[in-house]
Amino acid sequence: MLSTPQNRLKKRLKKVFKVLLILYVMIGASLYFLQEKLLFLPTELSQDYKYEFNFPFEEVFLTPQADVSINAIHFKTKNPKGVILYFHGNAGDLSRWGKISEFFVAKNYDVFIMDYRTYGKSKGKLSEQAFYDDAQYCYNYLLKSYNENEITIYGRSLGTGISTYLASKNNPSQLILETPYYSILDVAKYRFPIFPVTSLLKYTFPSNEFIINVSCPITMFHGTNDGVVPYSSAEKLKIVAPRHTTFITIDGGSHNNLIDFDDYTQGIEKIL
């Protein structure tokens, strides 16, 4: 039988479909099996690495479990206004995030900031529950030196889900969220709309579920040009948040530059 143009077209379409199907399955498998490498971008530090910051600090090692070591930096000021328990984003380590958190030390706050498991000098197996457990362990550690009404929980990007969980389980002075998300699942759906991410994700960080149980004042900062966590995800979180929530829009702000905007710095000055 002679090949007609119609038959040749059908064969080409079948080949294209097969290639697209293979790519779809490969990407979907990567989302499932490699999601920790996609979600978490830690850098490792040697155990003898020496931190250098502009303010006095104490390096701390906490052991929530026998096989876990959590490295943290505790900045201490004279006559502090309170203490900020800071949960950082998904990339880097304390050598970077410690310098970022000095912004708050300069405002005469003590700051306690930890590296998650596998980040910096911290050791241990990652899991979503491990993030929550380690956060609570750090909170309990601070309760040995501070009253609960002196503790501000601050979360940035990935850390906003952890911070919201922690605030829902305790009674801190306030909760501050920089570039928050409705949930990691919501962000994944936005980024990979054609994949069944609900079935693929092992990490969900459902801030939307936690925030309804937060009783302290909440302040959110989010930029309209955020290319990592879409502004719409933060807007959805605000909708389900309690009435005692202030949402501050940073017009033109992206994911890592909110500190360059007056609306952010003035907002921080007001609540701190």
C-alpha atoms as a PDB file:
ATOM      1  CA  MET A   1       0.000   0.000   0.000  1.00  0.00           C
ATOM      2  CA  LEU A   2       1.311   3.408  -0.951  1.00  0.00           C
ATOM      3  CA  SER A   3       1.869   5.931   1.831  1.00  0.00           C
ATOM      4  CA  THR A   4      -0.460   8.887   1.544  1.00  0.00           C
ATOM      5  CA  PRO A   5       0.227  12.383   2.951  1.00  0.00           C
ATOM      6  CA  GLN A   6      -2.501  11.742   5.510  1.00  0.00           C
ATOM      7  CA  ASN A   7      -0.878   8.516   6.703  1.00  0.00           C
ATOM      8  CA  ARG A   8       2.535  10.159   6.920  1.00  0.00           C
ATOM      9  CA  LEU A   9       1.033  12.970   8.989  1.00  0.00           C
ATOM     10  CA  LYS A  10      -0.550  10.471  11.366  1.00  0.00           C
ATOM     11  CA  LYS A  11       2.797   8.684  11.819  1.00  0.00           C
ATOM     12  CA  ARG A  12       4.543  11.971  12.570  1.00  0.00           C
ATOM     13  CA  LEU A  13       1.878  12.918  15.087  1.00  0.00           C
ATOM     14  CA  LYS A  14       2.203   9.533  16.800  1.00  0.00           C
ATOM     15  CA  LYS A  15       5.970   9.995  17.096  1.00  0.00           C
ATOM     16  CA  VAL A  16       5.535  13.510  18.490  1.00  0.00           C
ATOM     17  CA  PHE A  17       2.935  12.240  20.951  1.00  0.00           C
ATOM     18  CA  LYS A  18       5.246   9.429  22.107  1.00  0.00           C
ATOM     19  CA  VAL A  19       8.121  11.891  22.639  1.00  0.00           C
ATOM     20  CA  LEU A  20       5.870  14.283  24.562  1.00  0.00           C
ATOM     21  CA  LEU A  21       4.517  11.425  26.669  1.00  0.00           C
ATOM     22  CA  ILE A  22       8.027  10.238  27.522  1.00  0.00           C
ATOM     23  CA  LEU A  23       9.043  13.797  28.473  1.00  0.00           C
ATOM     24  CA  TYR A  24       5.912  14.185  30.587  1.00  0.00           C
ATOM     25  CA  VAL A  25       6.614  10.963  32.477  1.00  0.00           C
ATOM     26  CA  MET A  26      10.300  11.867  32.940  1.00  0.00           C
ATOM     27  CA  ILE A  27       9.509  15.328  34.299  1.00  0.00           C
ATOM     28  CA  GLY A  28       6.777  13.939  36.539  1.00  0.00           C
ATOM     29  CA  ALA A  29       9.156  11.300  37.895  1.00  0.00           C
ATOM     30  CA  SER A  30      11.766  13.993  38.531  1.00  0.00           C
ATOM     31  CA  LEU A  31       9.232  16.068  40.461  1.00  0.00           C
ATOM     32  CA  TYR A  32       8.573  13.071  42.697  1.00  0.00           C
ATOM     33  CA  PHE A  33      12.003  11.529  43.157  1.00  0.00           C
ATOM     34  CA  LEU A  34      14.113  14.707  43.010  1.00  0.00           C
ATOM     35  CA  GLN A  35      11.780  17.125  44.753  1.00  0.00           C
ATOM     36  CA  GLU A  36      14.110  17.617  47.728  1.00  0.00           C
ATOM     37  CA  LYS A  37      16.828  18.760  45.320  1.00  0.00           C
ATOM     38  CA  LEU A  38      14.333  21.089  43.632  1.00  0.00           C
ATOM     39  CA  LEU A  39      12.838  22.483  46.850  1.00  0.00           C
ATOM     40  CA  PHE A  40      15.917  22.706  49.049  1.00  0.00           C
ATOM     41  CA  LEU A  41      19.199  24.247  47.944  1.00  0.00           C
ATOM     42  CA  PRO A  42      21.520  23.979  50.940  1.00  0.00           C
ATOM     43  CA  THR A  43      25.193  24.792  50.997  1.00  0.00           C
ATOM     44  CA  GLU A  44      27.355  22.815  53.402  1.00  0.00           C
ATOM     45  CA  LEU A  45      29.907  24.293  55.784  1.00  0.00           C
ATOM     46  CA  SER A  46      32.784  22.496  57.469  1.00  0.00           C
ATOM     47  CA  GLN A  47      32.279  21.968  61.185  1.00  0.00           C
ATOM     48  CA  ASP A  48      35.249  24.245  61.955  1.00  0.00           C
ATOM     49  CA  TYR A  49      33.983  27.104  59.780  1.00  0.00           C
ATOM     50  CA  LYS A  50      34.282  30.438  61.614  1.00  0.00           C
ATOM     51  CA  TYR A  51      31.352  32.823  61.259  1.00  0.00           C
ATOM     52  CA  GLU A  52      32.058  36.538  60.972  1.00  0.00           C
ATOM     53  CA  PHE A  53      29.345  39.076  61.714  1.00  0.00           C
ATOM     54  CA  ASN A  54      29.152  42.724  62.721  1.00  0.00           C
ATOM     55  CA  PHE A  55      27.381  42.122  66.040  1.00  0.00           C
ATOM     56  CA  PRO A  56      28.180  39.947  69.058  1.00  0.00           C
ATOM     57  CA  PHE A  57      26.856  36.407  68.688  1.00  0.00           C
ATOM     58  CA  GLU A  58      26.997  32.947  70.151  1.00  0.00           C
ATOM     59  CA  GLU A  59      27.186  29.842  67.999  1.00  0.00           C
ATOM     60  CA  VAL A  60      24.874  27.113  69.255  1.00  0.00           C
ATOM     61  CA  PHE A  61      24.506  23.405  68.499  1.00  0.00           C
ATOM     62  CA  LEU A  62      21.197  21.811  69.476  1.00  0.00           C
ATOM     63  CA  THR A  63      20.413  18.078  69.479  1.00  0.00           C
ATOM     64  CA  PRO A  64      16.646  17.506  69.102  1.00  0.00           C
ATOM     65  CA  GLN A  65      17.382  13.816  68.478  1.00  0.00           C
ATOM     66  CA  ALA A  66      20.375  11.536  68.912  1.00  0.00           C
ATOM     67  CA  ASP A  67      21.221  11.611  65.204  1.00  0.00           C
ATOM     68  CA  VAL A  68      20.426  15.305  64.623  1.00  0.00           C
ATOM     69  CA  SER A  69      22.573  18.396  65.136  1.00  0.00           C
ATOM     70  CA  ILE A  70      21.099  21.843  64.551  1.00  0.00           C
ATOM     71  CA  ASN A  71      23.546  24.713  64.144  1.00  0.00           C
ATOM     72  CA  ALA A  72      22.283  28.167  65.062  1.00  0.00           C
ATOM     73  CA  ILE A  73      23.483  31.711  65.608  1.00  0.00           C
ATOM     74  CA  HIS A  74      22.224  33.681  68.598  1.00  0.00           C
ATOM     75  CA  PHE A  75      22.822  37.417  68.319  1.00  0.00           C
ATOM     76  CA  LYS A  76      22.664  39.168  71.672  1.00  0.00           C
ATOM     77  CA  THR A  77      22.305  42.896  72.274  1.00  0.00           C
ATOM     78  CA  LYS A  78      22.338  45.046  75.391  1.00  0.00           C
ATOM     79  CA  ASN A  79      18.850  45.632  76.788  1.00  0.00           C
ATOM     80  CA  PRO A  80      17.060  44.008  73.807  1.00  0.00           C
ATOM     81  CA  LYS A  81      13.501  44.930  72.890  1.00  0.00           C
ATOM     82  CA  GLY A  82      12.834  41.216  72.475  1.00  0.00           C
ATOM     83  CA  VAL A  83      14.075  38.287  70.439  1.00  0.00           C
ATOM     84  CA  ILE A  84      13.321  37.356  66.824  1.00  0.00           C
ATOM     85  CA  LEU A  85      13.249  33.663  65.962  1.00  0.00           C
ATOM     86  CA  TYR A  86      14.105  33.766  62.254  1.00  0.00           C
ATOM     87  CA  PHE A  87      13.412  30.978  59.739  1.00  0.00           C
ATOM     88  CA  HIS A  88      15.234  31.528  56.468  1.00  0.00           C
ATOM     89  CA  GLY A  89      14.622  30.644  52.830  1.00  0.00           C
ATOM     90  CA  ASN A  90      15.424  27.468  50.918  1.00  0.00           C
ATOM     91  CA  ALA A  91      18.946  28.303  49.722  1.00  0.00           C
ATOM     92  CA  GLY A  92      22.323  28.937  51.349  1.00  0.00           C
ATOM     93  CA  ASP A  93      23.414  28.666  54.972  1.00  0.00           C
ATOM     94  CA  LEU A  94      23.962  30.765  58.095  1.00  0.00           C
ATOM     95  CA  SER A  95      27.050  32.501  56.720  1.00  0.00           C
ATOM     96  CA  ARG A  96      24.632  34.332  54.401  1.00  0.00           C
ATOM     97  CA  TRP A  97      21.427  34.380  56.432  1.00  0.00           C
ATOM     98  CA  GLY A  98      23.149  35.533  59.580  1.00  0.00           C
ATOM     99  CA  LYS A  99      24.250  38.682  57.754  1.00  0.00           C
ATOM    100  CA  ILE A 100      20.721  39.234  56.450  1.00  0.00           C
ATOM    101  CA  SER A 101      19.266  38.916  59.941  1.00  0.00           C
ATOM    102  CA  GLU A 102      21.671  41.552  61.282  1.00  0.00           C
ATOM    103  CA  PHE A 103      19.136  44.052  59.910  1.00  0.00           C
ATOM    104  CA  PHE A 104      17.047  43.216  62.985  1.00  0.00           C
ATOM    105  CA  VAL A 105      19.966  43.129  65.404  1.00  0.00           C
ATOM    106  CA  ALA A 106      20.657  46.729  64.382  1.00  0.00           C
ATOM    107  CA  LYS A 107      17.152  47.537  65.650  1.00  0.00           C
ATOM    108  CA  ASN A 108      18.213  46.322  69.094  1.00  0.00           C
ATOM    109  CA  TYR A 109      16.627  42.887  68.929  1.00  0.00           C
ATOM    110  CA  ASP A 110      18.262  39.635  69.845  1.00  0.00           C
ATOM    111  CA  VAL A 111      18.029  37.237  66.907  1.00  0.00           C
ATOM    112  CA  PHE A 112      18.105  33.445  66.903  1.00  0.00           C
ATOM    113  CA  ILE A 113      18.487  31.859  63.474  1.00  0.00           C
ATOM    114  CA  MET A 114      18.986  28.175  62.743  1.00  0.00           C
ATOM    115  CA  ASP A 115      20.163  26.190  59.737  1.00  0.00           C
ATOM    116  CA  TYR A 116      17.798  23.405  58.710  1.00  0.00           C
ATOM    117  CA  ARG A 117      19.036  19.831  58.562  1.00  0.00           C
ATOM    118  CA  THR A 118      21.592  19.346  55.722  1.00  0.00           C
ATOM    119  CA  TYR A 119      22.208  23.140  55.623  1.00  0.00           C
ATOM    120  CA  GLY A 120      25.541  24.591  56.728  1.00  0.00           C
ATOM    121  CA  LYS A 121      26.794  22.633  59.726  1.00  0.00           C
ATOM    122  CA  SER A 122      23.416  21.106  60.591  1.00  0.00           C
ATOM    123  CA  LYS A 123      23.031  17.352  60.275  1.00  0.00           C
ATOM    124  CA  GLY A 124      20.085  14.998  60.083  1.00  0.00           C
ATOM    125  CA  LYS A 125      17.504  13.540  57.738  1.00  0.00           C
ATOM    126  CA  LEU A 126      15.085  15.961  56.100  1.00  0.00           C
ATOM    127  CA  SER A 127      11.315  15.604  56.281  1.00  0.00           C
ATOM    128  CA  GLU A 128       8.458  18.059  56.605  1.00  0.00           C
ATOM    129  CA  GLN A 129       7.806  16.956  60.171  1.00  0.00           C
ATOM    130  CA  ALA A 130      11.511  17.433  60.972  1.00  0.00           C
ATOM    131  CA  PHE A 131      11.232  21.104  59.999  1.00  0.00           C
ATOM    132  CA  TYR A 132       8.349  21.543  62.429  1.00  0.00           C
ATOM    133  CA  ASP A 133       9.944  19.543  65.247  1.00  0.00           C
ATOM    134  CA  ASP A 134      13.251  21.404  65.023  1.00  0.00           C
ATOM    135  CA  ALA A 135      11.448  24.750  64.962  1.00  0.00           C
ATOM    136  CA  GLN A 136       9.577  23.869  68.149  1.00  0.00           C
ATOM    137  CA  TYR A 137      12.822  22.718  69.745  1.00  0.00           C
ATOM    138  CA  CYS A 138      14.395  26.103  69.004  1.00  0.00           C
ATOM    139  CA  TYR A 139      11.329  27.878  70.389  1.00  0.00           C
ATOM    140  CA  ASN A 140      11.545  25.874  73.597  1.00  0.00           C
ATOM    141  CA  TYR A 141      15.245  26.695  73.799  1.00  0.00           C
ATOM    142  CA  LEU A 142      14.450  30.422  73.707  1.00  0.00           C
ATOM    143  CA  LEU A 143      11.804  30.022  76.407  1.00  0.00           C
ATOM    144  CA  LYS A 144      14.637  29.259  78.829  1.00  0.00           C
ATOM    145  CA  SER A 145      15.888  32.848  78.465  1.00  0.00           C
ATOM    146  CA  TYR A 146      12.881  34.889  77.287  1.00  0.00           C
ATOM    147  CA  ASN A 147       9.230  35.287  78.149  1.00  0.00           C
ATOM    148  CA  GLU A 148       6.922  34.108  75.396  1.00  0.00           C
ATOM    149  CA  ASN A 149       5.546  37.607  74.893  1.00  0.00           C
ATOM    150  CA  GLU A 150       9.087  38.729  74.003  1.00  0.00           C
ATOM    151  CA  ILE A 151       9.375  36.310  71.068  1.00  0.00           C
ATOM    152  CA  THR A 152       8.675  37.421  67.494  1.00  0.00           C
ATOM    153  CA  ILE A 153       8.557  34.634  64.904  1.00  0.00           C
ATOM    154  CA  TYR A 154       9.827  35.718  61.499  1.00  0.00           C
ATOM    155  CA  GLY A 155       9.649  33.616  58.351  1.00  0.00           C
ATOM    156  CA  ARG A 156      11.046  34.301  54.921  1.00  0.00           C
ATOM    157  CA  SER A 157       9.970  32.374  51.807  1.00  0.00           C
ATOM    158  CA  LEU A 158      10.275  28.655  52.693  1.00  0.00           C
ATOM    159  CA  GLY A 159      10.504  29.690  56.346  1.00  0.00           C
ATOM    160  CA  THR A 160       7.033  31.266  56.297  1.00  0.00           C
ATOM    161  CA  GLY A 161       5.333  27.861  56.363  1.00  0.00           C
ATOM    162  CA  ILE A 162       7.482  26.730  59.277  1.00  0.00           C
ATOM    163  CA  SER A 163       6.902  30.017  61.094  1.00  0.00           C
ATOM    164  CA  THR A 164       3.143  29.847  60.609  1.00  0.00           C
ATOM    165  CA  TYR A 165       3.054  26.307  61.943  1.00  0.00           C
ATOM    166  CA  LEU A 166       5.065  27.336  64.999  1.00  0.00           C
ATOM    167  CA  ALA A 167       2.887  30.374  65.703  1.00  0.00           C
ATOM    168  CA  SER A 168      -0.221  28.173  65.485  1.00  0.00           C
ATOM    169  CA  LYS A 169       1.152  25.917  68.241  1.00  0.00           C
ATOM    170  CA  ASN A 170       2.426  28.652  70.588  1.00  0.00           C
ATOM    171  CA  ASN A 171       1.657  32.191  71.764  1.00  0.00           C
ATOM    172  CA  PRO A 172       4.458  34.474  70.554  1.00  0.00           C
ATOM    173  CA  SER A 173       4.265  38.256  70.543  1.00  0.00           C
ATOM    174  CA  GLN A 174       3.731  38.394  66.776  1.00  0.00           C
ATOM    175  CA  LEU A 175       4.279  36.607  63.476  1.00  0.00           C
ATOM    176  CA  ILE A 176       5.987  38.314  60.518  1.00  0.00           C
ATOM    177  CA  LEU A 177       5.943  36.678  57.083  1.00  0.00           C
ATOM    178  CA  GLU A 178       8.106  37.873  54.189  1.00  0.00           C
ATOM    179  CA  THR A 179       7.082  36.520  50.757  1.00  0.00           C
ATOM    180  CA  PRO A 180       4.657  33.925  52.169  1.00  0.00           C
ATOM    181  CA  TYR A 181       2.748  31.263  50.225  1.00  0.00           C
ATOM    182  CA  TYR A 182      -0.697  29.726  50.608  1.00  0.00           C
ATOM    183  CA  SER A 183       1.012  26.340  50.558  1.00  0.00           C
ATOM    184  CA  ILE A 184       3.919  24.747  48.720  1.00  0.00           C
ATOM    185  CA  LEU A 185       1.281  22.700  46.915  1.00  0.00           C
ATOM    186  CA  ASP A 186      -0.323  25.923  45.677  1.00  0.00           C
ATOM    187  CA  VAL A 187       3.012  27.198  44.352  1.00  0.00           C
ATOM    188  CA  ALA A 188       3.706  23.835  42.689  1.00  0.00           C
ATOM    189  CA  LYS A 189       0.314  23.910  40.963  1.00  0.00           C
ATOM    190  CA  TYR A 190       1.124  27.386  39.676  1.00  0.00           C
ATOM    191  CA  ARG A 191       4.513  26.306  38.333  1.00  0.00           C
ATOM    192  CA  PHE A 192       3.535  22.861  37.013  1.00  0.00           C
ATOM    193  CA  PRO A 193      -0.147  23.140  36.081  1.00  0.00           C
ATOM    194  CA  ILE A 194      -0.190  20.080  33.802  1.00  0.00           C
ATOM    195  CA  PHE A 195       1.185  17.666  36.410  1.00  0.00           C
ATOM    196  CA  PRO A 196      -0.727  15.907  39.244  1.00  0.00           C
ATOM    197  CA  VAL A 197       1.388  17.633  41.886  1.00  0.00           C
ATOM    198  CA  THR A 198      -1.110  16.802  44.642  1.00  0.00           C
ATOM    199  CA  SER A 199      -0.077  13.157  44.269  1.00  0.00           C
ATOM    200  CA  LEU A 200       3.597  13.851  43.623  1.00  0.00           C
ATOM    201  CA  LEU A 201       4.537  16.205  46.466  1.00  0.00           C
ATOM    202  CA  LYS A 202       5.975  14.873  49.721  1.00  0.00           C
ATOM    203  CA  TYR A 203       6.286  18.401  51.138  1.00  0.00           C
ATOM    204  CA  THR A 204       3.186  20.610  51.274  1.00  0.00           C
ATOM    205  CA  PHE A 205       3.759  23.189  54.078  1.00  0.00           C
ATOM    206  CA  PRO A 206       0.052  24.103  54.281  1.00  0.00           C
ATOM    207  CA  SER A 207       0.283  27.617  55.702  1.00  0.00           C
ATOM    208  CA  ASN A 208      -3.396  28.065  54.855  1.00  0.00           C
ATOM    209  CA  GLU A 209      -4.300  25.393  57.402  1.00  0.00           C
ATOM    210  CA  PHE A 210      -1.945  26.636  60.107  1.00  0.00           C
ATOM    211  CA  ILE A 211      -2.719  30.333  59.922  1.00  0.00           C
ATOM    212  CA  ILE A 212      -6.338  30.000  61.003  1.00  0.00           C
ATOM    213  CA  ASN A 213      -5.079  28.895  64.430  1.00  0.00           C
ATOM    214  CA  VAL A 214      -2.619  31.771  64.921  1.00  0.00           C
ATOM    215  CA  SER A 215      -3.837  34.050  67.705  1.00  0.00           C
ATOM    216  CA  CYS A 216      -1.061  36.672  67.730  1.00  0.00           C
ATOM    217  CA  PRO A 217      -0.857  39.688  65.357  1.00  0.00           C
ATOM    218  CA  ILE A 218       0.299  38.742  61.853  1.00  0.00           C
ATOM    219  CA  THR A 219       2.060  40.959  59.303  1.00  0.00           C
ATOM    220  CA  MET A 220       2.723  39.854  55.720  1.00  0.00           C
ATOM    221  CA  PHE A 221       5.011  41.502  53.163  1.00  0.00           C
ATOM    222  CA  HIS A 222       4.873  40.503  49.504  1.00  0.00           C
ATOM    223  CA  GLY A 223       6.087  42.033  46.256  1.00  0.00           C
ATOM    224  CA  THR A 224       3.930  42.255  43.152  1.00  0.00           C
ATOM    225  CA  ASN A 225       6.814  41.115  40.905  1.00  0.00           C
ATOM    226  CA  ASP A 226       7.798  38.037  42.897  1.00  0.00           C
ATOM    227  CA  GLY A 227       8.937  35.400  40.395  1.00  0.00           C
ATOM    228  CA  VAL A 228       9.424  32.640  42.983  1.00  0.00           C
ATOM    229  CA  VAL A 229       6.304  32.773  45.157  1.00  0.00           C
ATOM    230  CA  PRO A 230       3.506  34.383  43.133  1.00  0.00           C
ATOM    231  CA  TYR A 231       1.790  37.382  44.679  1.00  0.00           C
ATOM    232  CA  SER A 232      -1.539  35.623  44.121  1.00  0.00           C
ATOM    233  CA  SER A 233      -0.506  32.835  46.516  1.00  0.00           C
ATOM    234  CA  ALA A 234       0.078  35.347  49.300  1.00  0.00           C
ATOM    235  CA  GLU A 235      -3.245  37.028  48.519  1.00  0.00           C
ATOM    236  CA  LYS A 236      -4.998  33.678  48.940  1.00  0.00           C
ATOM    237  CA  LEU A 237      -3.294  33.236  52.311  1.00  0.00           C
ATOM    238  CA  LYS A 238      -4.508  36.652  53.437  1.00  0.00           C
ATOM    239  CA  ILE A 239      -8.084  35.690  52.595  1.00  0.00           C
ATOM    240  CA  VAL A 240      -8.056  32.757  55.038  1.00  0.00           C
ATOM    241  CA  ALA A 241      -5.941  34.565  57.663  1.00  0.00           C
ATOM    242  CA  PRO A 242      -7.487  35.855  60.899  1.00  0.00           C
ATOM    243  CA  ARG A 243      -8.740  39.428  61.140  1.00  0.00           C
ATOM    244  CA  HIS A 244      -5.671  40.489  63.098  1.00  0.00           C
ATOM    245  CA  THR A 245      -3.570  40.233  59.912  1.00  0.00           C
ATOM    246  CA  THR A 246      -1.942  43.153  58.111  1.00  0.00           C
ATOM    247  CA  PHE A 247      -1.016  42.593  54.472  1.00  0.00           C
ATOM    248  CA  ILE A 248       1.545  45.024  53.052  1.00  0.00           C
ATOM    249  CA  THR A 249       1.939  45.046  49.271  1.00  0.00           C
ATOM    250  CA  ILE A 250       5.361  46.058  47.961  1.00  0.00           C
ATOM    251  CA  ASP A 251       4.603  47.457  44.519  1.00  0.00           C
ATOM    252  CA  GLY A 252       7.354  46.318  42.138  1.00  0.00           C
ATOM    253  CA  GLY A 253       9.063  44.188  44.782  1.00  0.00           C
ATOM    254  CA  SER A 254      10.487  40.813  43.783  1.00  0.00           C
ATOM    255  CA  HIS A 255      11.447  37.833  45.907  1.00  0.00           C
ATOM    256  CA  ASN A 256      14.784  38.954  47.342  1.00  0.00           C
ATOM    257  CA  ASN A 257      14.734  42.752  47.383  1.00  0.00           C
ATOM    258  CA  LEU A 258      11.892  43.877  49.660  1.00  0.00           C
ATOM    259  CA  ILE A 259      14.410  45.498  51.982  1.00  0.00           C
ATOM    260  CA  ASP A 260      15.121  48.039  49.228  1.00  0.00           C
ATOM    261  CA  PHE A 261      11.577  49.427  49.448  1.00  0.00           C
ATOM    262  CA  ASP A 262      10.327  52.058  51.879  1.00  0.00           C
ATOM    263  CA  ASP A 263       7.020  50.238  52.357  1.00  0.00           C
ATOM    264  CA  TYR A 264       8.929  47.301  53.806  1.00  0.00           C
ATOM    265  CA  THR A 265      11.367  49.213  56.014  1.00  0.00           C
ATOM    266  CA  GLN A 266       8.648  51.534  57.277  1.00  0.00           C
ATOM    267  CA  GLY A 267       6.383  48.571  57.952  1.00  0.00           C
ATOM    268  CA  ILE A 268       9.108  46.839  59.937  1.00  0.00           C
ATOM    269  CA  GLU A 269       9.803  50.024  61.904  1.00  0.00           C
ATOM    270  CA  LYS A 270       6.131  50.229  62.837  1.00  0.00           C
ATOM    271  CA  ILE A 271       5.734  46.686  64.104  1.00  0.00           C
ATOM    272  CA  LEU A 272       9.149  46.447  65.800  1.00  0.00           C
END
